[in-house]
Amino acid sequence: HVPTLNDRRDDIPILAEQFTEEICQDYGL
């Protein structure tokens, strides 16, 4: 069973940082 994001809020900083880095790379920013 994969929990909802609301049930694992402590993981949000890790995910947000990773997504930000990837998106900046994708857009060349």
PDB file of all heavy atoms in Angstrom:
ATOM      1  N   HIS A   1       0.852  -1.199   0.000  1.00  0.00           N
ATOM      2  CA  HIS A   1       0.000   0.000   0.000  1.00  0.00           C
ATOM      3  C   HIS A   1       0.882   1.242   0.000  1.00  0.00           C
ATOM      4  O   HIS A   1       1.769   1.388   0.841  1.00  0.00           O
ATOM      5  CB  HIS A   1      -0.922   0.025   1.222  1.00  0.00           C
ATOM      6  CG  HIS A   1      -1.798   1.240   1.259  1.00  0.00           C
ATOM      7  ND1 HIS A   1      -2.858   1.422   0.400  1.00  0.00           N
ATOM      8  CD2 HIS A   1      -1.742   2.356   2.037  1.00  0.00           C
ATOM      9  CE1 HIS A   1      -3.438   2.586   0.650  1.00  0.00           C
ATOM     10  NE2 HIS A   1      -2.774   3.163   1.636  1.00  0.00           N
ATOM     11  N   VAL A   2       0.637   2.128  -0.960  1.00  0.00           N
ATOM     12  CA  VAL A   2       1.400   3.375  -1.058  1.00  0.00           C
ATOM     13  C   VAL A   2       0.592   4.485  -0.382  1.00  0.00           C
ATOM     14  O   VAL A   2      -0.541   4.758  -0.802  1.00  0.00           O
ATOM     15  CB  VAL A   2       1.673   3.750  -2.530  1.00  0.00           C
ATOM     16  CG1 VAL A   2       2.564   4.981  -2.594  1.00  0.00           C
ATOM     17  CG2 VAL A   2       2.320   2.584  -3.265  1.00  0.00           C
ATOM     18  N   PRO A   3       1.134   5.114   0.669  1.00  0.00           N
ATOM     19  CA  PRO A   3       0.365   6.115   1.415  1.00  0.00           C
ATOM     20  C   PRO A   3       0.173   7.403   0.626  1.00  0.00           C
ATOM     21  O   PRO A   3       0.910   7.693  -0.318  1.00  0.00           O
ATOM     22  CB  PRO A   3       1.229   6.362   2.655  1.00  0.00           C
ATOM     23  CG  PRO A   3       2.626   6.070   2.190  1.00  0.00           C
ATOM     24  CD  PRO A   3       2.492   4.938   1.201  1.00  0.00           C
ATOM     25  N   THR A   4      -0.808   8.175   1.022  1.00  0.00           N
ATOM     26  CA  THR A   4      -1.018   9.489   0.417  1.00  0.00           C
ATOM     27  C   THR A   4       0.100  10.433   0.857  1.00  0.00           C
ATOM     28  O   THR A   4       0.778  10.180   1.861  1.00  0.00           O
ATOM     29  CB  THR A   4      -2.361  10.091   0.848  1.00  0.00           C
ATOM     30  OG1 THR A   4      -2.314  10.367   2.263  1.00  0.00           O
ATOM     31  CG2 THR A   4      -3.513   9.141   0.551  1.00  0.00           C
ATOM     32  N   LEU A   5       0.266  11.518   0.137  1.00  0.00           N
ATOM     33  CA  LEU A   5       1.273  12.511   0.510  1.00  0.00           C
ATOM     34  C   LEU A   5       0.912  13.165   1.838  1.00  0.00           C
ATOM     35  O   LEU A   5       1.797  13.544   2.609  1.00  0.00           O
ATOM     36  CB  LEU A   5       1.394  13.566  -0.595  1.00  0.00           C
ATOM     37  CG  LEU A   5       2.579  14.525  -0.492  1.00  0.00           C
ATOM     38  CD1 LEU A   5       3.898  13.776  -0.415  1.00  0.00           C
ATOM     39  CD2 LEU A   5       2.587  15.489  -1.683  1.00  0.00           C
ATOM     40  N   ASN A   6      -0.377  13.278   2.114  1.00  0.00           N
ATOM     41  CA  ASN A   6      -0.808  13.865   3.388  1.00  0.00           C
ATOM     42  C   ASN A   6      -0.426  12.993   4.577  1.00  0.00           C
ATOM     43  O   ASN A   6      -0.319  13.484   5.700  1.00  0.00           O
ATOM     44  CB  ASN A   6      -2.328  14.074   3.376  1.00  0.00           C
ATOM     45  CG  ASN A   6      -2.764  15.044   2.296  1.00  0.00           C
ATOM     46  OD1 ASN A   6      -2.132  16.067   2.091  1.00  0.00           O
ATOM     47  ND2 ASN A   6      -3.838  14.715   1.591  1.00  0.00           N
ATOM     48  N   ASP A   7      -0.219  11.695   4.323  1.00  0.00           N
ATOM     49  CA  ASP A   7       0.185  10.773   5.390  1.00  0.00           C
ATOM     50  C   ASP A   7       1.693  10.676   5.542  1.00  0.00           C
ATOM     51  O   ASP A   7       2.175   9.941   6.412  1.00  0.00           O
ATOM     52  CB  ASP A   7      -0.383   9.368   5.112  1.00  0.00           C
ATOM     53  CG  ASP A   7      -1.892   9.326   5.236  1.00  0.00           C
ATOM     54  OD1 ASP A   7      -2.438  10.127   6.013  1.00  0.00           O
ATOM     55  OD2 ASP A   7      -2.525   8.505   4.537  1.00  0.00           O
ATOM     56  N   ARG A   8       2.429  11.382   4.693  1.00  0.00           N
ATOM     57  CA  ARG A   8       3.897  11.358   4.768  1.00  0.00           C
ATOM     58  C   ARG A   8       4.455  12.759   4.521  1.00  0.00           C
ATOM     59  O   ARG A   8       5.331  12.978   3.695  1.00  0.00           O
ATOM     60  CB  ARG A   8       4.463  10.354   3.759  1.00  0.00           C
ATOM     61  CG  ARG A   8       3.844  10.415   2.391  1.00  0.00           C
ATOM     62  CD  ARG A   8       4.429   9.443   1.407  1.00  0.00           C
ATOM     63  NE  ARG A   8       5.786   9.741   1.025  1.00  0.00           N
ATOM     64  CZ  ARG A   8       6.296   9.556  -0.198  1.00  0.00           C
ATOM     65  NH1 ARG A   8       5.533   9.095  -1.177  1.00  0.00           N
ATOM     66  NH2 ARG A   8       7.540   9.839  -0.461  1.00  0.00           N
ATOM     67  N   ARG A   9       3.913  13.728   5.269  1.00  0.00           N
ATOM     68  CA  ARG A   9       4.281  15.136   5.059  1.00  0.00           C
ATOM     69  C   ARG A   9       5.762  15.406   5.305  1.00  0.00           C
ATOM     70  O   ARG A   9       6.324  16.356   4.761  1.00  0.00           O
ATOM     71  CB  ARG A   9       3.437  16.045   5.955  1.00  0.00           C
ATOM     72  CG  ARG A   9       1.957  16.048   5.571  1.00  0.00           C
ATOM     73  CD  ARG A   9       1.135  16.989   6.442  1.00  0.00           C
ATOM     74  NE  ARG A   9      -0.278  16.915   6.109  1.00  0.00           N
ATOM     75  CZ  ARG A   9      -0.854  17.611   5.143  1.00  0.00           C
ATOM     76  NH1 ARG A   9      -0.124  18.444   4.417  1.00  0.00           N
ATOM     77  NH2 ARG A   9      -2.137  17.485   4.902  1.00  0.00           N
ATOM     78  N   ASP A  10       6.406  14.585   6.137  1.00  0.00           N
ATOM     79  CA  ASP A  10       7.835  14.780   6.397  1.00  0.00           C
ATOM     80  C   ASP A  10       8.683  14.551   5.149  1.00  0.00           C
ATOM     81  O   ASP A  10       9.839  14.978   5.082  1.00  0.00           O
ATOM     82  CB  ASP A  10       8.309  13.834   7.511  1.00  0.00           C
ATOM     83  CG  ASP A  10       7.758  14.234   8.878  1.00  0.00           C
ATOM     84  OD1 ASP A  10       7.268  15.367   9.001  1.00  0.00           O
ATOM     85  OD2 ASP A  10       7.806  13.403   9.804  1.00  0.00           O
ATOM     86  N   ASP A  11       8.111  13.865   4.157  1.00  0.00           N
ATOM     87  CA  ASP A  11       8.847  13.620   2.910  1.00  0.00           C
ATOM     88  C   ASP A  11       8.712  14.771   1.913  1.00  0.00           C
ATOM     89  O   ASP A  11       9.409  14.776   0.890  1.00  0.00           O
ATOM     90  CB  ASP A  11       8.347  12.333   2.245  1.00  0.00           C
ATOM     91  CG  ASP A  11       8.734  11.085   3.020  1.00  0.00           C
ATOM     92  OD1 ASP A  11       9.726  11.143   3.764  1.00  0.00           O
ATOM     93  OD2 ASP A  11       8.040  10.064   2.880  1.00  0.00           O
ATOM     94  N   ILE A  12       7.815  15.712   2.180  1.00  0.00           N
ATOM     95  CA  ILE A  12       7.571  16.800   1.228  1.00  0.00           C
ATOM     96  C   ILE A  12       8.834  17.618   0.944  1.00  0.00           C
ATOM     97  O   ILE A  12       9.105  17.937  -0.224  1.00  0.00           O
ATOM     98  CB  ILE A  12       6.412  17.692   1.712  1.00  0.00           C
ATOM     99  CG1 ILE A  12       5.091  16.925   1.565  1.00  0.00           C
ATOM    100  CG2 ILE A  12       6.344  19.008   0.924  1.00  0.00           C
ATOM    101  CD1 ILE A  12       3.872  17.647   2.088  1.00  0.00           C
ATOM    102  N   PRO A  13       9.661  17.992   1.943  1.00  0.00           N
ATOM    103  CA  PRO A  13      10.885  18.746   1.629  1.00  0.00           C
ATOM    104  C   PRO A  13      11.805  18.015   0.661  1.00  0.00           C
ATOM    105  O   PRO A  13      12.356  18.632  -0.257  1.00  0.00           O
ATOM    106  CB  PRO A  13      11.546  18.932   3.004  1.00  0.00           C
ATOM    107  CG  PRO A  13      10.407  18.900   3.966  1.00  0.00           C
ATOM    108  CD  PRO A  13       9.444  17.898   3.410  1.00  0.00           C
ATOM    109  N   ILE A  14      11.991  16.706   0.844  1.00  0.00           N
ATOM    110  CA  ILE A  14      12.865  15.928  -0.053  1.00  0.00           C
ATOM    111  C   ILE A  14      12.305  15.949  -1.466  1.00  0.00           C
ATOM    112  O   ILE A  14      13.025  16.185  -2.444  1.00  0.00           O
ATOM    113  CB  ILE A  14      12.987  14.477   0.450  1.00  0.00           C
ATOM    114  CG1 ILE A  14      13.598  14.433   1.845  1.00  0.00           C
ATOM    115  CG2 ILE A  14      13.822  13.644  -0.518  1.00  0.00           C
ATOM    116  CD1 ILE A  14      13.583  13.066   2.487  1.00  0.00           C
ATOM    117  N   LEU A  15      11.005  15.711  -1.595  1.00  0.00           N
ATOM    118  CA  LEU A  15      10.363  15.677  -2.909  1.00  0.00           C
ATOM    119  C   LEU A  15      10.389  17.049  -3.569  1.00  0.00           C
ATOM    120  O   LEU A  15      10.697  17.167  -4.764  1.00  0.00           O
ATOM    121  CB  LEU A  15       8.914  15.196  -2.764  1.00  0.00           C
ATOM    122  CG  LEU A  15       8.740  13.739  -2.341  1.00  0.00           C
ATOM    123  CD1 LEU A  15       7.333  13.491  -1.830  1.00  0.00           C
ATOM    124  CD2 LEU A  15       9.038  12.803  -3.508  1.00  0.00           C
ATOM    125  N   ALA A  16      10.075  18.091  -2.797  1.00  0.00           N
ATOM    126  CA  ALA A  16      10.025  19.448  -3.354  1.00  0.00           C
ATOM    127  C   ALA A  16      11.394  19.892  -3.852  1.00  0.00           C
ATOM    128  O   ALA A  16      11.514  20.489  -4.936  1.00  0.00           O
ATOM    129  CB  ALA A  16       9.499  20.427  -2.307  1.00  0.00           C
ATOM    130  N   GLU A  17      12.437  19.608  -3.086  1.00  0.00           N
ATOM    131  CA  GLU A  17      13.799  19.970  -3.489  1.00  0.00           C
ATOM    132  C   GLU A  17      14.198  19.229  -4.764  1.00  0.00           C
ATOM    133  O   GLU A  17      14.780  19.814  -5.681  1.00  0.00           O
ATOM    134  CB  GLU A  17      14.794  19.657  -2.367  1.00  0.00           C
ATOM    135  CG  GLU A  17      14.666  20.530  -1.124  1.00  0.00           C
ATOM    136  CD  GLU A  17      15.228  21.935  -1.315  1.00  0.00           C
ATOM    137  OE1 GLU A  17      15.692  22.249  -2.425  1.00  0.00           O
ATOM    138  OE2 GLU A  17      15.195  22.714  -0.344  1.00  0.00           O
ATOM    139  N   GLN A  18      13.883  17.937  -4.825  1.00  0.00           N
ATOM    140  CA  GLN A  18      14.240  17.134  -5.995  1.00  0.00           C
ATOM    141  C   GLN A  18      13.501  17.624  -7.234  1.00  0.00           C
ATOM    142  O   GLN A  18      14.091  17.779  -8.315  1.00  0.00           O
ATOM    143  CB  GLN A  18      13.918  15.661  -5.737  1.00  0.00           C
ATOM    144  CG  GLN A  18      14.259  14.733  -6.890  1.00  0.00           C
ATOM    145  CD  GLN A  18      15.751  14.620  -7.160  1.00  0.00           C
ATOM    146  OE1 GLN A  18      16.560  14.871  -6.259  1.00  0.00           O
ATOM    147  NE2 GLN A  18      16.125  14.272  -8.374  1.00  0.00           N
ATOM    148  N   PHE A  19      12.198  17.885  -7.111  1.00  0.00           N
ATOM    149  CA  PHE A  19      11.416  18.361  -8.240  1.00  0.00           C
ATOM    150  C   PHE A  19      11.930  19.719  -8.723  1.00  0.00           C
ATOM    151  O   PHE A  19      12.015  19.970  -9.923  1.00  0.00           O
ATOM    152  CB  PHE A  19       9.943  18.465  -7.866  1.00  0.00           C
ATOM    153  CG  PHE A  19       9.267  17.135  -7.658  1.00  0.00           C
ATOM    154  CD1 PHE A  19       8.174  17.006  -6.814  1.00  0.00           C
ATOM    155  CD2 PHE A  19       9.724  15.996  -8.307  1.00  0.00           C
ATOM    156  CE1 PHE A  19       7.551  15.782  -6.629  1.00  0.00           C
ATOM    157  CE2 PHE A  19       9.110  14.770  -8.129  1.00  0.00           C
ATOM    158  CZ  PHE A  19       8.023  14.669  -7.274  1.00  0.00           C
ATOM    159  N   THR A  20      12.264  20.593  -7.768  1.00  0.00           N
ATOM    160  CA  THR A  20      12.764  21.923  -8.131  1.00  0.00           C
ATOM    161  C   THR A  20      14.057  21.821  -8.921  1.00  0.00           C
ATOM    162  O   THR A  20      14.235  22.497  -9.944  1.00  0.00           O
ATOM    163  CB  THR A  20      12.986  22.777  -6.861  1.00  0.00           C
ATOM    164  OG1 THR A  20      11.755  22.890  -6.153  1.00  0.00           O
ATOM    165  CG2 THR A  20      13.480  24.170  -7.216  1.00  0.00           C
ATOM    166  N   GLU A  21      14.963  20.971  -8.463  1.00  0.00           N
ATOM    167  CA  GLU A  21      16.242  20.795  -9.164  1.00  0.00           C
ATOM    168  C   GLU A  21      16.013  20.254 -10.577  1.00  0.00           C
ATOM    169  O   GLU A  21      16.592  20.752 -11.551  1.00  0.00           O
ATOM    170  CB  GLU A  21      17.135  19.838  -8.373  1.00  0.00           C
ATOM    171  CG  GLU A  21      18.491  19.610  -9.016  1.00  0.00           C
ATOM    172  CD  GLU A  21      19.369  18.650  -8.232  1.00  0.00           C
ATOM    173  OE1 GLU A  21      19.018  18.323  -7.079  1.00  0.00           O
ATOM    174  OE2 GLU A  21      20.411  18.224  -8.776  1.00  0.00           O
ATOM    175  N   GLU A  22      15.158  19.248 -10.700  1.00  0.00           N
ATOM    176  CA  GLU A  22      14.894  18.649 -12.009  1.00  0.00           C
ATOM    177  C   GLU A  22      14.235  19.644 -12.963  1.00  0.00           C
ATOM    178  O   GLU A  22      14.609  19.738 -14.138  1.00  0.00           O
ATOM    179  CB  GLU A  22      13.988  17.426 -11.846  1.00  0.00           C
ATOM    180  CG  GLU A  22      14.666  16.250 -11.165  1.00  0.00           C
ATOM    181  CD  GLU A  22      13.718  15.088 -10.964  1.00  0.00           C
ATOM    182  OE1 GLU A  22      12.537  15.208 -11.378  1.00  0.00           O
ATOM    183  OE2 GLU A  22      14.136  14.064 -10.401  1.00  0.00           O
ATOM    184  N   ILE A  23      13.270  20.390 -12.465  1.00  0.00           N
ATOM    185  CA  ILE A  23      12.540  21.335 -13.316  1.00  0.00           C
ATOM    186  C   ILE A  23      13.457  22.472 -13.768  1.00  0.00           C
ATOM    187  O   ILE A  23      13.406  22.895 -14.926  1.00  0.00           O
ATOM    188  CB  ILE A  23      11.301  21.873 -12.571  1.00  0.00           C
ATOM    189  CG1 ILE A  23      10.292  20.740 -12.358  1.00  0.00           C
ATOM    190  CG2 ILE A  23      10.642  23.018 -13.346  1.00  0.00           C
ATOM    191  CD1 ILE A  23       9.266  21.024 -11.278  1.00  0.00           C
ATOM    192  N   CYS A  24      14.313  22.949 -12.871  1.00  0.00           N
ATOM    193  CA  CYS A  24      15.283  23.988 -13.249  1.00  0.00           C
ATOM    194  C   CYS A  24      16.218  23.474 -14.337  1.00  0.00           C
ATOM    195  O   CYS A  24      16.545  24.188 -15.289  1.00  0.00           O
ATOM    196  CB  CYS A  24      16.077  24.450 -12.025  1.00  0.00           C
ATOM    197  SG  CYS A  24      15.144  25.490 -10.882  1.00  0.00           S
ATOM    198  N   GLN A  25      16.653  22.228 -14.214  1.00  0.00           N
ATOM    199  CA  GLN A  25      17.501  21.622 -15.245  1.00  0.00           C
ATOM    200  C   GLN A  25      16.751  21.522 -16.569  1.00  0.00           C
ATOM    201  O   GLN A  25      17.297  21.848 -17.627  1.00  0.00           O
ATOM    202  CB  GLN A  25      17.957  20.233 -14.797  1.00  0.00           C
ATOM    203  CG  GLN A  25      18.978  20.241 -13.674  1.00  0.00           C
ATOM    204  CD  GLN A  25      19.306  18.836 -13.175  1.00  0.00           C
ATOM    205  OE1 GLN A  25      18.703  17.866 -13.595  1.00  0.00           O
ATOM    206  NE2 GLN A  25      20.253  18.745 -12.250  1.00  0.00           N
ATOM    207  N   ASP A  26      15.500  21.079 -16.515  1.00  0.00           N
ATOM    208  CA  ASP A  26      14.714  20.916 -17.734  1.00  0.00           C
ATOM    209  C   ASP A  26      14.525  22.241 -18.466  1.00  0.00           C
ATOM    210  O   ASP A  26      14.542  22.286 -19.698  1.00  0.00           O
ATOM    211  CB  ASP A  26      13.341  20.314 -17.411  1.00  0.00           C
ATOM    212  CG  ASP A  26      13.434  18.853 -16.993  1.00  0.00           C
ATOM    213  OD1 ASP A  26      14.508  18.248 -17.211  1.00  0.00           O
ATOM    214  OD2 ASP A  26      12.460  18.325 -16.435  1.00  0.00           O
ATOM    215  N   TYR A  27      14.331  23.317 -17.716  1.00  0.00           N
ATOM    216  CA  TYR A  27      14.093  24.623 -18.318  1.00  0.00           C
ATOM    217  C   TYR A  27      15.385  25.421 -18.528  1.00  0.00           C
ATOM    218  O   TYR A  27      15.330  26.542 -19.046  1.00  0.00           O
ATOM    219  CB  TYR A  27      13.124  25.441 -17.461  1.00  0.00           C
ATOM    220  CG  TYR A  27      11.688  25.014 -17.583  1.00  0.00           C
ATOM    221  CD1 TYR A  27      10.975  24.571 -16.474  1.00  0.00           C
ATOM    222  CD2 TYR A  27      11.032  25.039 -18.807  1.00  0.00           C
ATOM    223  CE1 TYR A  27       9.652  24.169 -16.581  1.00  0.00           C
ATOM    224  CE2 TYR A  27       9.713  24.644 -18.928  1.00  0.00           C
ATOM    225  CZ  TYR A  27       9.031  24.208 -17.811  1.00  0.00           C
ATOM    226  OH  TYR A  27       7.723  23.816 -17.921  1.00  0.00           O
ATOM    227  N   GLY A  28      16.526  24.869 -18.117  1.00  0.00           N
ATOM    228  CA  GLY A  28      17.786  25.593 -18.261  1.00  0.00           C
ATOM    229  C   GLY A  28      17.878  26.812 -17.375  1.00  0.00           C
ATOM    230  O   GLY A  28      18.516  27.815 -17.726  1.00  0.00           O
ATOM    231  N   LEU A  29      17.257  26.745 -16.196  1.00  0.00           N
ATOM    232  CA  LEU A  29      17.248  27.876 -15.267  1.00  0.00           C
ATOM    233  C   LEU A  29      18.265  27.656 -14.148  1.00  0.00           C
ATOM    234  O   LEU A  29      18.563  26.515 -13.797  1.00  0.00           O
ATOM    235  CB  LEU A  29      15.856  28.027 -14.637  1.00  0.00           C
ATOM    236  CG  LEU A  29      14.697  28.361 -15.591  1.00  0.00           C
ATOM    237  CD1 LEU A  29      13.372  28.251 -14.840  1.00  0.00           C
ATOM    238  CD2 LEU A  29      14.872  29.751 -16.178  1.00  0.00           C
TER     239      LEU A  29
END
